[in-house]
PDB file of all heavy atoms in Angstrom:
ATOM      1  N   ALA A   1     121.286 107.034  98.587  1.00  0.00           N
ATOM      2  CA  ALA A   1     120.880 108.054  97.657  1.00  0.00           C
ATOM      3  C   ALA A   1     121.324 107.630  96.295  1.00  0.00           C
ATOM      4  O   ALA A   1     120.671 107.812  95.234  1.00  0.00           O
ATOM      5  CB  ALA A   1     121.441 109.424  97.975  1.00  0.00           C
ATOM      6  N   PHE A   2     122.642 107.098  96.138  1.00  0.00           N
ATOM      7  CA  PHE A   2     123.286 106.598  94.890  1.00  0.00           C
ATOM      8  C   PHE A   2     122.453 105.411  94.217  1.00  0.00           C
ATOM      9  O   PHE A   2     122.188 105.419  93.088  1.00  0.00           O
ATOM     10  CB  PHE A   2     124.691 106.275  95.092  1.00  0.00           C
ATOM     11  CG  PHE A   2     125.443 107.445  95.455  1.00  0.00           C
ATOM     12  CD1 PHE A   2     125.705 107.815  96.708  1.00  0.00           C
ATOM     13  CD2 PHE A   2     126.058 108.331  94.401  1.00  0.00           C
ATOM     14  CE1 PHE A   2     126.444 108.949  97.020  1.00  0.00           C
ATOM     15  CE2 PHE A   2     126.802 109.337  94.602  1.00  0.00           C
ATOM     16  CZ  PHE A   2     127.013 109.791  96.059  1.00  0.00           C
ATOM     17  N   VAL A   3     122.117 104.430  95.182  1.00  0.00           N
ATOM     18  CA  VAL A   3     121.273 103.383  94.698  1.00  0.00           C
ATOM     19  C   VAL A   3     119.959 103.817  94.077  1.00  0.00           C
ATOM     20  O   VAL A   3     119.448 103.395  92.977  1.00  0.00           O
ATOM     21  CB  VAL A   3     121.235 102.207  95.709  1.00  0.00           C
ATOM     22  CG1 VAL A   3     120.150 101.238  95.284  1.00  0.00           C
ATOM     23  CG2 VAL A   3     122.534 101.613  95.946  1.00  0.00           C
ATOM     24  N   ALA A   4     119.325 104.639  94.932  1.00  0.00           N
ATOM     25  CA  ALA A   4     117.950 105.120  94.477  1.00  0.00           C
ATOM     26  C   ALA A   4     118.048 105.989  93.248  1.00  0.00           C
ATOM     27  O   ALA A   4     117.203 105.833  92.370  1.00  0.00           O
ATOM     28  CB  ALA A   4     117.319 105.967  95.620  1.00  0.00           C
ATOM     29  N   GLU A   5     119.013 106.761  93.079  1.00  0.00           N
ATOM     30  CA  GLU A   5     119.169 107.442  91.857  1.00  0.00           C
ATOM     31  C   GLU A   5     119.460 106.621  90.624  1.00  0.00           C
ATOM     32  O   GLU A   5     118.915 106.774  89.522  1.00  0.00           O
ATOM     33  CB  GLU A   5     120.237 108.443  91.868  1.00  0.00           C
ATOM     34  CG  GLU A   5     120.668 109.229  90.675  1.00  0.00           C
ATOM     35  CD  GLU A   5     119.441 110.033  90.117  1.00  0.00           C
ATOM     36  OE1 GLU A   5     118.581 110.414  90.881  1.00  0.00           O
ATOM     37  OE2 GLU A   5     119.454 110.421  88.867  1.00  0.00           O
ATOM     38  N   ALA A   6     120.309 105.538  90.859  1.00  0.00           N
ATOM     39  CA  ALA A   6     120.449 104.590  89.824  1.00  0.00           C
ATOM     40  C   ALA A   6     119.120 103.961  89.339  1.00  0.00           C
ATOM     41  O   ALA A   6     118.972 103.751  88.078  1.00  0.00           O
ATOM     42  CB  ALA A   6     121.541 103.461  90.213  1.00  0.00           C
ATOM     43  N   LYS A   7     118.417 103.552  90.324  1.00  0.00           N
ATOM     44  CA  LYS A   7     117.110 102.906  89.902  1.00  0.00           C
ATOM     45  C   LYS A   7     116.197 103.919  89.141  1.00  0.00           C
ATOM     46  O   LYS A   7     115.691 103.419  88.154  1.00  0.00           O
ATOM     47  CB  LYS A   7     116.488 102.388  91.120  1.00  0.00           C
ATOM     48  CG  LYS A   7     116.928 101.174  91.773  1.00  0.00           C
ATOM     49  CD  LYS A   7     116.322 100.921  93.277  1.00  0.00           C
ATOM     50  CE  LYS A   7     114.761 100.562  93.095  1.00  0.00           C
ATOM     51  NZ  LYS A   7     114.251 100.304  94.376  1.00  0.00           N
ATOM     52  N   ARG A   8     116.336 105.191  89.620  1.00  0.00           N
ATOM     53  CA  ARG A   8     115.490 106.207  88.802  1.00  0.00           C
ATOM     54  C   ARG A   8     115.959 106.392  87.411  1.00  0.00           C
ATOM     55  O   ARG A   8     115.129 106.339  86.540  1.00  0.00           O
ATOM     56  CB  ARG A   8     115.548 107.558  89.606  1.00  0.00           C
ATOM     57  CG  ARG A   8     114.776 108.593  88.981  1.00  0.00           C
ATOM     58  CD  ARG A   8     115.029 110.003  89.559  1.00  0.00           C
ATOM     59  NE  ARG A   8     116.301 110.476  89.030  1.00  0.00           N
ATOM     60  CZ  ARG A   8     116.290 111.058  87.895  1.00  0.00           C
ATOM     61  NH1 ARG A   8     115.303 111.098  86.967  1.00  0.00           N
ATOM     62  NH2 ARG A   8     117.618 111.429  87.421  1.00  0.00           N
ATOM     63  N   GLN A   9     117.283 106.339  87.119  1.00  0.00           N
ATOM     64  CA  GLN A   9     117.798 106.464  85.908  1.00  0.00           C
ATOM     65  C   GLN A   9     117.653 105.197  84.936  1.00  0.00           C
ATOM     66  O   GLN A   9     117.432 105.416  83.743  1.00  0.00           O
ATOM     67  CB  GLN A   9     119.190 106.932  85.856  1.00  0.00           C
ATOM     68  CG  GLN A   9     119.565 108.244  86.467  1.00  0.00           C
ATOM     69  CD  GLN A   9     120.932 108.764  86.385  1.00  0.00           C
ATOM     70  OE1 GLN A   9     121.648 108.328  85.480  1.00  0.00           O
ATOM     71  NE2 GLN A   9     121.386 109.698  87.216  1.00  0.00           N
ATOM     72  N   LEU A  10     117.565 104.022  85.590  1.00  0.00           N
ATOM     73  CA  LEU A  10     117.375 102.898  84.827  1.00  0.00           C
ATOM     74  C   LEU A  10     115.977 102.458  84.601  1.00  0.00           C
ATOM     75  O   LEU A  10     115.626 101.665  83.713  1.00  0.00           O
ATOM     76  CB  LEU A  10     117.994 101.658  85.666  1.00  0.00           C
ATOM     77  CG  LEU A  10     119.627 101.707  85.710  1.00  0.00           C
ATOM     78  CD1 LEU A  10     120.129 100.790  86.778  1.00  0.00           C
ATOM     79  CD2 LEU A  10     120.081 101.278  84.330  1.00  0.00           C
ATOM     80  N   PHE A  11     115.040 103.213  85.211  1.00  0.00           N
ATOM     81  CA  PHE A  11     113.497 103.013  85.015  1.00  0.00           C
ATOM     82  C   PHE A  11     113.162 103.211  83.704  1.00  0.00           C
ATOM     83  O   PHE A  11     113.494 104.193  83.031  1.00  0.00           O
ATOM     84  CB  PHE A  11     112.712 103.798  86.037  1.00  0.00           C
ATOM     85  CG  PHE A  11     111.300 103.651  85.903  1.00  0.00           C
ATOM     86  CD1 PHE A  11     110.611 102.412  85.998  1.00  0.00           C
ATOM     87  CD2 PHE A  11     110.413 104.730  85.582  1.00  0.00           C
ATOM     88  CE1 PHE A  11     109.249 102.211  85.776  1.00  0.00           C
ATOM     89  CE2 PHE A  11     109.069 104.540  85.361  1.00  0.00           C
ATOM     90  CZ  PHE A  11     108.585 103.322  85.522  1.00  0.00           C
ATOM     91  N   GLY A  12     112.476 102.323  83.009  1.00  0.00           N
ATOM     92  CA  GLY A  12     112.102 102.382  81.720  1.00  0.00           C
ATOM     93  C   GLY A  12     112.863 101.264  80.877  1.00  0.00           C
ATOM     94  O   GLY A  12     112.174 100.425  80.096  1.00  0.00           O
ATOM     95  N   ARG A  13     114.102 101.125  81.223  1.00  0.00           N
ATOM     96  CA  ARG A  13     114.877 100.084  80.535  1.00  0.00           C
ATOM     97  C   ARG A  13     114.625  98.664  81.282  1.00  0.00           C
ATOM     98  O   ARG A  13     114.629  97.706  80.797  1.00  0.00           O
ATOM     99  CB  ARG A  13     116.409 100.318  80.614  1.00  0.00           C
ATOM    100  CG  ARG A  13     116.771 101.697  79.893  1.00  0.00           C
ATOM    101  CD  ARG A  13     118.299 101.860  79.691  1.00  0.00           C
ATOM    102  NE  ARG A  13     119.029 100.820  79.046  1.00  0.00           N
ATOM    103  CZ  ARG A  13     120.141 100.916  78.768  1.00  0.00           C
ATOM    104  NH1 ARG A  13     120.816 101.977  78.942  1.00  0.00           N
ATOM    105  NH2 ARG A  13     120.752  99.976  78.042  1.00  0.00           N
ATOM    106  N   VAL A  14     114.419  98.851  82.572  1.00  0.00           N
ATOM    107  CA  VAL A  14     113.828  97.829  83.421  1.00  0.00           C
ATOM    108  C   VAL A  14     112.704  98.470  84.315  1.00  0.00           C
ATOM    109  O   VAL A  14     112.636  99.689  84.463  1.00  0.00           O
ATOM    110  CB  VAL A  14     114.951  97.158  84.317  1.00  0.00           C
ATOM    111  CG1 VAL A  14     115.938  96.424  83.562  1.00  0.00           C
ATOM    112  CG2 VAL A  14     115.593  98.267  85.137  1.00  0.00           C
ATOM    113  N   GLY A  15     111.854  97.567  84.813  1.00  0.00           N
ATOM    114  CA  GLY A  15     110.971  97.947  85.877  1.00  0.00           C
ATOM    115  C   GLY A  15     111.693  98.210  87.223  1.00  0.00           C
ATOM    116  O   GLY A  15     112.711  97.588  87.520  1.00  0.00           O
ATOM    117  N   ILE A  16     111.017  98.995  88.070  1.00  0.00           N
ATOM    118  CA  ILE A  16     111.528  99.172  89.319  1.00  0.00           C
ATOM    119  C   ILE A  16     110.335  99.048  90.338  1.00  0.00           C
ATOM    120  O   ILE A  16     109.199  99.221  89.768  1.00  0.00           O
ATOM    121  CB  ILE A  16     112.304 100.534  89.614  1.00  0.00           C
ATOM    122  CG1 ILE A  16     111.286 101.661  89.490  1.00  0.00           C
ATOM    123  CG2 ILE A  16     113.471 100.620  88.780  1.00  0.00           C
ATOM    124  CD1 ILE A  16     112.033 103.063  89.954  1.00  0.00           C
ATOM    125  N   ASP A  17     110.552  98.780  91.494  1.00  0.00           N
ATOM    126  CA  ASP A  17     109.589  98.756  92.445  1.00  0.00           C
ATOM    127  C   ASP A  17     109.073 100.123  92.905  1.00  0.00           C
ATOM    128  O   ASP A  17     107.887 100.417  92.594  1.00  0.00           O
ATOM    129  CB  ASP A  17     109.960  97.923  93.842  1.00  0.00           C
ATOM    130  CG  ASP A  17     111.292  98.307  94.382  1.00  0.00           C
ATOM    131  OD1 ASP A  17     111.977  99.278  93.746  1.00  0.00           O
ATOM    132  OD2 ASP A  17     111.775  97.840  95.359  1.00  0.00           O
ATOM    133  N   LEU A  18     109.991 100.912  93.291  1.00  0.00           N
ATOM    134  CA  LEU A  18     109.608 102.286  93.633  1.00  0.00           C
ATOM    135  C   LEU A  18     110.942 103.057  94.085  1.00  0.00           C
ATOM    136  O   LEU A  18     112.017 102.351  94.130  1.00  0.00           O
ATOM    137  CB  LEU A  18     108.664 102.352  94.849  1.00  0.00           C
ATOM    138  CG  LEU A  18     109.085 101.429  96.013  1.00  0.00           C
ATOM    139  CD1 LEU A  18     108.826 102.190  97.411  1.00  0.00           C
ATOM    140  CD2 LEU A  18     108.281 100.181  96.209  1.00  0.00           C
ATOM    141  N   PHE A  19     110.922 104.242  94.425  1.00  0.00           N
ATOM    142  CA  PHE A  19     112.028 104.977  94.924  1.00  0.00           C
ATOM    143  C   PHE A  19     112.093 104.747  96.429  1.00  0.00           C
ATOM    144  O   PHE A  19     111.218 105.190  97.230  1.00  0.00           O
ATOM    145  CB  PHE A  19     112.079 106.507  94.694  1.00  0.00           C
ATOM    146  CG  PHE A  19     111.902 106.816  93.252  1.00  0.00           C
ATOM    147  CD1 PHE A  19     110.929 107.591  92.690  1.00  0.00           C
ATOM    148  CD2 PHE A  19     112.778 106.197  92.307  1.00  0.00           C
ATOM    149  CE1 PHE A  19     110.822 107.947  91.286  1.00  0.00           C
ATOM    150  CE2 PHE A  19     112.746 106.605  90.893  1.00  0.00           C
ATOM    151  CZ  PHE A  19     111.796 107.382  90.409  1.00  0.00           C
ATOM    152  N   ALA A  20     113.168 104.015  96.842  1.00  0.00           N
ATOM    153  CA  ALA A  20     113.204 103.565  98.254  1.00  0.00           C
ATOM    154  C   ALA A  20     114.523 103.904  98.777  1.00  0.00           C
ATOM    155  O   ALA A  20     115.620 103.209  98.794  1.00  0.00           O
ATOM    156  CB  ALA A  20     112.943 102.159  98.363  1.00  0.00           C
ATOM    157  N   GLY A  21     114.669 105.064  99.376  1.00  0.00           N
ATOM    158  CA  GLY A  21     115.866 105.492 100.032  1.00  0.00           C
ATOM    159  C   GLY A  21     116.182 106.956  99.803  1.00  0.00           C
ATOM    160  O   GLY A  21     115.815 107.481  98.774  1.00  0.00           O
ATOM    161  N   PRO A  22     116.911 107.633 100.638  1.00  0.00           N
ATOM    162  CA  PRO A  22     117.282 107.189 101.934  1.00  0.00           C
ATOM    163  C   PRO A  22     116.060 107.197 102.864  1.00  0.00           C
ATOM    164  O   PRO A  22     114.964 107.725 102.459  1.00  0.00           O
ATOM    165  CB  PRO A  22     118.157 108.345 102.351  1.00  0.00           C
ATOM    166  CG  PRO A  22     118.668 108.964 101.175  1.00  0.00           C
ATOM    167  CD  PRO A  22     117.582 108.869 100.337  1.00  0.00           C
ATOM    168  N   THR A  23     116.123 106.467 103.985  1.00  0.00           N
ATOM    169  CA  THR A  23     114.939 106.161 104.924  1.00  0.00           C
ATOM    170  C   THR A  23     114.495 107.503 105.513  1.00  0.00           C
ATOM    171  O   THR A  23     115.240 108.436 105.741  1.00  0.00           O
ATOM    172  CB  THR A  23     115.577 105.306 106.155  1.00  0.00           C
ATOM    173  OG1 THR A  23     115.764 104.012 105.665  1.00  0.00           O
ATOM    174  CG2 THR A  23     114.508 105.221 107.258  1.00  0.00           C
ATOM    175  N   GLU A  24     113.256 107.595 105.610  1.00  0.00           N
ATOM    176  CA  GLU A  24     112.491 108.661 106.135  1.00  0.00           C
ATOM    177  C   GLU A  24     111.484 108.225 107.318  1.00  0.00           C
ATOM    178  O   GLU A  24     110.942 107.036 107.251  1.00  0.00           O
ATOM    179  CB  GLU A  24     111.471 109.335 105.113  1.00  0.00           C
ATOM    180  CG  GLU A  24     112.287 109.832 103.874  1.00  0.00           C
ATOM    181  CD  GLU A  24     111.316 110.063 102.750  1.00  0.00           C
ATOM    182  OE1 GLU A  24     110.119 109.608 102.825  1.00  0.00           O
ATOM    183  OE2 GLU A  24     111.678 110.820 101.798  1.00  0.00           O
ATOM    184  N   THR A  25     111.333 108.919 108.340  1.00  0.00           N
ATOM    185  CA  THR A  25     110.591 108.501 109.513  1.00  0.00           C
ATOM    186  C   THR A  25     109.851 109.698 110.028  1.00  0.00           C
ATOM    187  O   THR A  25     110.423 110.736 110.349  1.00  0.00           O
ATOM    188  CB  THR A  25     111.327 107.917 110.586  1.00  0.00           C
ATOM    189  OG1 THR A  25     111.973 106.631 110.211  1.00  0.00           O
ATOM    190  CG2 THR A  25     110.563 107.715 111.903  1.00  0.00           C
ATOM    191  N   LEU A  26     108.642 109.602 110.182  1.00  0.00           N
ATOM    192  CA  LEU A  26     107.730 110.661 110.846  1.00  0.00           C
ATOM    193  C   LEU A  26     107.054 110.083 112.084  1.00  0.00           C
ATOM    194  O   LEU A  26     106.477 108.910 111.955  1.00  0.00           O
ATOM    195  CB  LEU A  26     106.623 111.065 109.858  1.00  0.00           C
ATOM    196  CG  LEU A  26     105.580 111.999 110.432  1.00  0.00           C
ATOM    197  CD1 LEU A  26     106.168 113.298 110.798  1.00  0.00           C
ATOM    198  CD2 LEU A  26     104.438 112.251 109.287  1.00  0.00           C
ATOM    199  N   VAL A  27     107.279 110.663 113.214  1.00  0.00           N
ATOM    200  CA  VAL A  27     106.578 110.283 114.471  1.00  0.00           C
ATOM    201  C   VAL A  27     105.585 111.296 114.726  1.00  0.00           C
ATOM    202  O   VAL A  27     105.758 112.507 114.913  1.00  0.00           O
ATOM    203  CB  VAL A  27     107.653 110.163 115.721  1.00  0.00           C
ATOM    204  CG1 VAL A  27     106.801 109.977 116.932  1.00  0.00           C
ATOM    205  CG2 VAL A  27     108.552 109.185 115.438  1.00  0.00           C
ATOM    206  N   ILE A  28     104.189 110.872 114.709  1.00  0.00           N
ATOM    207  CA  ILE A  28     103.145 111.779 115.160  1.00  0.00           C
ATOM    208  C   ILE A  28     102.667 111.292 116.413  1.00  0.00           C
ATOM    209  O   ILE A  28     102.301 110.132 116.711  1.00  0.00           O
ATOM    210  CB  ILE A  28     101.935 111.445 114.079  1.00  0.00           C
ATOM    211  CG1 ILE A  28     102.268 111.767 112.653  1.00  0.00           C
ATOM    212  CG2 ILE A  28     100.704 112.138 114.623  1.00  0.00           C
ATOM    213  CD1 ILE A  28     101.288 111.469 111.621  1.00  0.00           C
ATOM    214  N   ALA A  29     102.723 112.242 117.397  1.00  0.00           N
ATOM    215  CA  ALA A  29     102.535 112.078 118.804  1.00  0.00           C
ATOM    216  C   ALA A  29     101.819 113.100 119.457  1.00  0.00           C
ATOM    217  O   ALA A  29     101.736 114.241 119.080  1.00  0.00           O
ATOM    218  CB  ALA A  29     103.834 111.781 119.428  1.00  0.00           C
ATOM    219  N   ASP A  30     101.071 112.742 120.533  1.00  0.00           N
ATOM    220  CA  ASP A  30     100.459 113.840 121.307  1.00  0.00           C
ATOM    221  C   ASP A  30     100.920 113.579 122.773  1.00  0.00           C
ATOM    222  O   ASP A  30     101.811 112.836 123.039  1.00  0.00           O
ATOM    223  CB  ASP A  30      99.038 113.912 121.221  1.00  0.00           C
ATOM    224  CG  ASP A  30      98.280 112.487 121.577  1.00  0.00           C
ATOM    225  OD1 ASP A  30      98.927 111.745 122.228  1.00  0.00           O
ATOM    226  OD2 ASP A  30      97.138 112.275 121.146  1.00  0.00           O
ATOM    227  N   ASP A  31     100.245 114.144 123.773  1.00  0.00           N
ATOM    228  CA  ASP A  31     100.719 114.104 125.266  1.00  0.00           C
ATOM    229  C   ASP A  31     100.429 112.715 125.890  1.00  0.00           C
ATOM    230  O   ASP A  31     100.575 112.642 127.145  1.00  0.00           O
ATOM    231  CB  ASP A  31     100.261 115.180 125.998  1.00  0.00           C
ATOM    232  CG  ASP A  31      98.799 115.353 126.025  1.00  0.00           C
ATOM    233  OD1 ASP A  31      98.150 114.470 125.602  1.00  0.00           O
ATOM    234  OD2 ASP A  31      98.256 116.404 126.571  1.00  0.00           O
ATOM    235  N   THR A  32      99.987 111.761 125.111  1.00  0.00           N
ATOM    236  CA  THR A  32      99.752 110.513 125.757  1.00  0.00           C
ATOM    237  C   THR A  32     101.116 109.713 125.880  1.00  0.00           C
ATOM    238  O   THR A  32     101.201 108.632 126.454  1.00  0.00           O
ATOM    239  CB  THR A  32      98.715 109.576 124.821  1.00  0.00           C
ATOM    240  OG1 THR A  32      99.196 109.502 123.580  1.00  0.00           O
ATOM    241  CG2 THR A  32      97.379 110.314 124.956  1.00  0.00           C
ATOM    242  N   VAL A  33     102.090 110.211 125.130  1.00  0.00           N
ATOM    243  CA  VAL A  33     103.424 109.474 125.264  1.00  0.00           C
ATOM    244  C   VAL A  33     104.523 110.535 125.741  1.00  0.00           C
ATOM    245  O   VAL A  33     104.200 111.715 125.905  1.00  0.00           O
ATOM    246  CB  VAL A  33     103.890 108.878 123.868  1.00  0.00           C
ATOM    247  CG1 VAL A  33     103.024 107.786 123.554  1.00  0.00           C
ATOM    248  CG2 VAL A  33     103.822 109.933 122.757  1.00  0.00           C
ATOM    249  N   ASP A  34     105.692 110.067 125.850  1.00  0.00           N
ATOM    250  CA  ASP A  34     106.717 111.012 126.553  1.00  0.00           C
ATOM    251  C   ASP A  34     108.007 111.147 125.587  1.00  0.00           C
ATOM    252  O   ASP A  34     108.013 110.484 124.423  1.00  0.00           O
ATOM    253  CB  ASP A  34     107.242 110.433 127.761  1.00  0.00           C
ATOM    254  CG  ASP A  34     107.718 108.982 127.672  1.00  0.00           C
ATOM    255  OD1 ASP A  34     108.879 108.683 127.108  1.00  0.00           O
ATOM    256  OD2 ASP A  34     106.969 107.985 127.933  1.00  0.00           O
ATOM    257  N   GLY A  35     108.710 112.135 125.806  1.00  0.00           N
ATOM    258  CA  GLY A  35     109.860 112.431 124.962  1.00  0.00           C
ATOM    259  C   GLY A  35     110.750 111.267 124.820  1.00  0.00           C
ATOM    260  O   GLY A  35     111.503 111.290 123.870  1.00  0.00           O
ATOM    261  N   GLU A  36     111.085 110.473 125.941  1.00  0.00           N
ATOM    262  CA  GLU A  36     112.016 109.374 125.764  1.00  0.00           C
ATOM    263  C   GLU A  36     111.580 108.441 124.544  1.00  0.00           C
ATOM    264  O   GLU A  36     112.425 107.991 123.898  1.00  0.00           O
ATOM    265  CB  GLU A  36     112.054 108.596 127.065  1.00  0.00           C
ATOM    266  CG  GLU A  36     113.021 107.495 127.084  1.00  0.00           C
ATOM    267  CD  GLU A  36     112.988 106.701 128.316  1.00  0.00           C
ATOM    268  OE1 GLU A  36     112.001 106.613 129.047  1.00  0.00           O
ATOM    269  OE2 GLU A  36     114.173 105.988 128.786  1.00  0.00           O
ATOM    270  N   LEU A  37     110.379 108.032 124.686  1.00  0.00           N
ATOM    271  CA  LEU A  37     109.817 107.058 123.523  1.00  0.00           C
ATOM    272  C   LEU A  37     110.040 107.668 122.143  1.00  0.00           C
ATOM    273  O   LEU A  37     110.435 107.054 121.250  1.00  0.00           O
ATOM    274  CB  LEU A  37     108.418 106.684 123.812  1.00  0.00           C
ATOM    275  CG  LEU A  37     107.776 105.584 123.126  1.00  0.00           C
ATOM    276  CD1 LEU A  37     108.671 104.255 123.227  1.00  0.00           C
ATOM    277  CD2 LEU A  37     106.348 105.356 123.373  1.00  0.00           C
ATOM    278  N   CYS A  38     109.508 108.952 121.981  1.00  0.00           N
ATOM    279  CA  CYS A  38     109.658 109.637 120.745  1.00  0.00           C
ATOM    280  C   CYS A  38     111.048 109.695 120.258  1.00  0.00           C
ATOM    281  O   CYS A  38     111.388 109.564 119.130  1.00  0.00           O
ATOM    282  CB  CYS A  38     109.019 111.025 120.751  1.00  0.00           C
ATOM    283  SG  CYS A  38     107.258 111.086 121.114  1.00  0.00           S
ATOM    284  N   ALA A  39     111.937 110.072 121.187  1.00  0.00           N
ATOM    285  CA  ALA A  39     113.393 110.298 120.779  1.00  0.00           C
ATOM    286  C   ALA A  39     113.907 108.983 120.274  1.00  0.00           C
ATOM    287  O   ALA A  39     114.712 108.854 119.403  1.00  0.00           O
ATOM    288  CB  ALA A  39     114.151 110.840 121.903  1.00  0.00           C
ATOM    289  N   ALA A  40     113.622 107.909 121.073  1.00  0.00           N
ATOM    290  CA  ALA A  40     114.125 106.492 120.760  1.00  0.00           C
ATOM    291  C   ALA A  40     113.717 106.045 119.267  1.00  0.00           C
ATOM    292  O   ALA A  40     114.413 105.664 118.507  1.00  0.00           O
ATOM    293  CB  ALA A  40     113.716 105.474 121.739  1.00  0.00           C
ATOM    294  N   ASP A  41     112.418 106.400 118.948  1.00  0.00           N
ATOM    295  CA  ASP A  41     111.872 106.053 117.658  1.00  0.00           C
ATOM    296  C   ASP A  41     112.392 106.995 116.588  1.00  0.00           C
ATOM    297  O   ASP A  41     112.549 106.497 115.390  1.00  0.00           O
ATOM    298  CB  ASP A  41     110.411 106.032 117.745  1.00  0.00           C
ATOM    299  CG  ASP A  41     109.809 104.969 118.527  1.00  0.00           C
ATOM    300  OD1 ASP A  41     110.474 103.947 118.799  1.00  0.00           O
ATOM    301  OD2 ASP A  41     108.621 105.023 119.032  1.00  0.00           O
ATOM    302  N   LEU A  42     112.626 108.143 116.860  1.00  0.00           N
ATOM    303  CA  LEU A  42     113.431 109.072 115.842  1.00  0.00           C
ATOM    304  C   LEU A  42     114.799 108.571 115.542  1.00  0.00           C
ATOM    305  O   LEU A  42     115.135 108.318 114.334  1.00  0.00           O
ATOM    306  CB  LEU A  42     113.251 110.518 116.372  1.00  0.00           C
ATOM    307  CG  LEU A  42     111.896 111.193 116.278  1.00  0.00           C
ATOM    308  CD1 LEU A  42     111.980 112.553 117.089  1.00  0.00           C
ATOM    309  CD2 LEU A  42     111.330 111.543 114.927  1.00  0.00           C
ATOM    310  N   LEU A  43     115.615 108.360 116.619  1.00  0.00           N
ATOM    311  CA  LEU A  43     117.058 108.040 116.414  1.00  0.00           C
ATOM    312  C   LEU A  43     117.071 106.629 115.844  1.00  0.00           C
ATOM    313  O   LEU A  43     118.145 106.320 115.243  1.00  0.00           O
ATOM    314  CB  LEU A  43     117.773 108.217 117.777  1.00  0.00           C
ATOM    315  CG  LEU A  43     117.823 109.650 118.265  1.00  0.00           C
ATOM    316  CD1 LEU A  43     118.598 109.652 119.609  1.00  0.00           C
ATOM    317  CD2 LEU A  43     118.607 110.546 117.239  1.00  0.00           C
ATOM    318  N   GLY A  44     116.122 105.810 116.255  1.00  0.00           N
ATOM    319  CA  GLY A  44     116.268 104.501 115.703  1.00  0.00           C
ATOM    320  C   GLY A  44     116.313 104.321 114.236  1.00  0.00           C
ATOM    321  O   GLY A  44     116.643 103.341 113.600  1.00  0.00           O
TER     322      GLY A  44
END
């Protein structure tokens, strides 16, 4: 969060790629998969 905020505040004086952090993950799933797989991908 601190690095991402530093990039935000420095943008304009230098270019930045984008706001990257902290990590975000969304798992979209239906009943074709199971809870074990979804949990592993969330916690990973």
